[in-house]
Amino acid sequence: MRKIIATTDVLAHENRFPKGTGFHVVDTPDPKAKPPQIDRATAEVWGRNGWAEAATEKAST
């Protein structure tokens, strides 16, 4: 599953999410999901506008 991180405050599902919020990118998002979900088209728009970037997996030590 693809994940993105908001690089600024964003609006989704009629709610404001602060910078740093992680989203799962899915075909049909559930507005009540935890962590939040966003559809692919919105994720692409956010990426083009610089409002989100791909999440990177942190290496465990």
C-alpha atoms as a PDB file:
ATOM      1  CA  MET A   1       0.000   0.000   0.000  1.00  0.00           C
ATOM      2  CA  ARG A   2       1.328   3.408  -0.967  1.00  0.00           C
ATOM      3  CA  LYS A   3       1.721   6.005   1.772  1.00  0.00           C
ATOM      4  CA  ILE A   4       2.162   9.772   1.572  1.00  0.00           C
ATOM      5  CA  ILE A   5       2.964  12.456   4.135  1.00  0.00           C
ATOM      6  CA  ALA A   6       1.387  15.931   4.045  1.00  0.00           C
ATOM      7  CA  THR A   7       4.052  18.646   3.716  1.00  0.00           C
ATOM      8  CA  THR A   8       1.549  21.358   4.671  1.00  0.00           C
ATOM      9  CA  ASP A   9      -1.897  21.477   6.264  1.00  0.00           C
ATOM     10  CA  VAL A  10      -4.373  19.777   3.905  1.00  0.00           C
ATOM     11  CA  LEU A  11      -8.127  19.363   3.651  1.00  0.00           C
ATOM     12  CA  ALA A  12      -9.612  15.903   3.159  1.00  0.00           C
ATOM     13  CA  HIS A  13     -13.051  14.469   3.907  1.00  0.00           C
ATOM     14  CA  GLU A  14     -14.164  17.915   5.110  1.00  0.00           C
ATOM     15  CA  ASN A  15     -11.467  17.885   7.822  1.00  0.00           C
ATOM     16  CA  ARG A  16      -8.170  19.702   8.158  1.00  0.00           C
ATOM     17  CA  PHE A  17      -5.098  17.528   8.670  1.00  0.00           C
ATOM     18  CA  PRO A  18      -1.859  19.122   9.927  1.00  0.00           C
ATOM     19  CA  LYS A  19       1.518  18.987   8.228  1.00  0.00           C
ATOM     20  CA  GLY A  20       3.171  15.617   8.828  1.00  0.00           C
ATOM     21  CA  THR A  21      -0.041  13.566   8.731  1.00  0.00           C
ATOM     22  CA  GLY A  22       0.430  10.227   6.987  1.00  0.00           C
ATOM     23  CA  PHE A  23      -2.183   8.929   4.536  1.00  0.00           C
ATOM     24  CA  HIS A  24      -2.719   5.543   2.926  1.00  0.00           C
ATOM     25  CA  VAL A  25      -3.499   5.908  -0.793  1.00  0.00           C
ATOM     26  CA  VAL A  26      -6.406   3.627  -1.763  1.00  0.00           C
ATOM     27  CA  ASP A  27      -8.984   3.288  -4.541  1.00  0.00           C
ATOM     28  CA  THR A  28     -11.974   3.963  -2.279  1.00  0.00           C
ATOM     29  CA  PRO A  29     -11.029   5.858   0.882  1.00  0.00           C
ATOM     30  CA  ASP A  30     -12.938   5.463   4.142  1.00  0.00           C
ATOM     31  CA  PRO A  31     -13.308   8.938   5.734  1.00  0.00           C
ATOM     32  CA  LYS A  32     -13.248   7.368   9.221  1.00  0.00           C
ATOM     33  CA  ALA A  33     -10.155   5.182   8.694  1.00  0.00           C
ATOM     34  CA  LYS A  34      -7.184   5.448  11.051  1.00  0.00           C
ATOM     35  CA  PRO A  35      -4.627   6.273   9.696  1.00  0.00           C
ATOM     36  CA  PRO A  36      -6.493   8.469   7.230  1.00  0.00           C
ATOM     37  CA  GLN A  37      -6.975   7.331   3.638  1.00  0.00           C
ATOM     38  CA  ILE A  38      -6.992   9.382   0.437  1.00  0.00           C
ATOM     39  CA  ASP A  39      -7.827   8.470  -3.148  1.00  0.00           C
ATOM     40  CA  ARG A  40      -5.142   8.167  -5.820  1.00  0.00           C
ATOM     41  CA  ALA A  41      -6.253  11.228  -7.829  1.00  0.00           C
ATOM     42  CA  THR A  42      -6.118  13.508  -4.791  1.00  0.00           C
ATOM     43  CA  ALA A  43      -2.722  12.092  -3.805  1.00  0.00           C
ATOM     44  CA  GLU A  44      -1.397  12.895  -7.297  1.00  0.00           C
ATOM     45  CA  VAL A  45      -2.716  16.486  -7.134  1.00  0.00           C
ATOM     46  CA  TRP A  46      -1.192  16.977  -3.690  1.00  0.00           C
ATOM     47  CA  GLY A  47       2.124  15.642  -4.982  1.00  0.00           C
ATOM     48  CA  ARG A  48       2.152  17.916  -8.044  1.00  0.00           C
ATOM     49  CA  ASN A  49       1.360  20.933  -5.858  1.00  0.00           C
ATOM     50  CA  GLY A  50       4.031  20.044  -3.305  1.00  0.00           C
ATOM     51  CA  TRP A  51       1.460  19.454  -0.552  1.00  0.00           C
ATOM     52  CA  ALA A  52       2.534  15.826   0.031  1.00  0.00           C
ATOM     53  CA  GLU A  53       5.457  13.516  -0.630  1.00  0.00           C
ATOM     54  CA  ALA A  54       5.978   9.777  -0.660  1.00  0.00           C
ATOM     55  CA  ALA A  55       6.485   8.323   2.801  1.00  0.00           C
ATOM     56  CA  THR A  56       9.742   6.517   3.386  1.00  0.00           C
ATOM     57  CA  GLU A  57      10.015   3.452   5.561  1.00  0.00           C
ATOM     58  CA  LYS A  58      12.274   4.080   8.530  1.00  0.00           C
ATOM     59  CA  ALA A  59      14.930   1.457   9.031  1.00  0.00           C
ATOM     60  CA  SER A  60      14.699  -0.298  12.366  1.00  0.00           C
ATOM     61  CA  THR A  61      17.855  -0.579  14.420  1.00  0.00           C
END
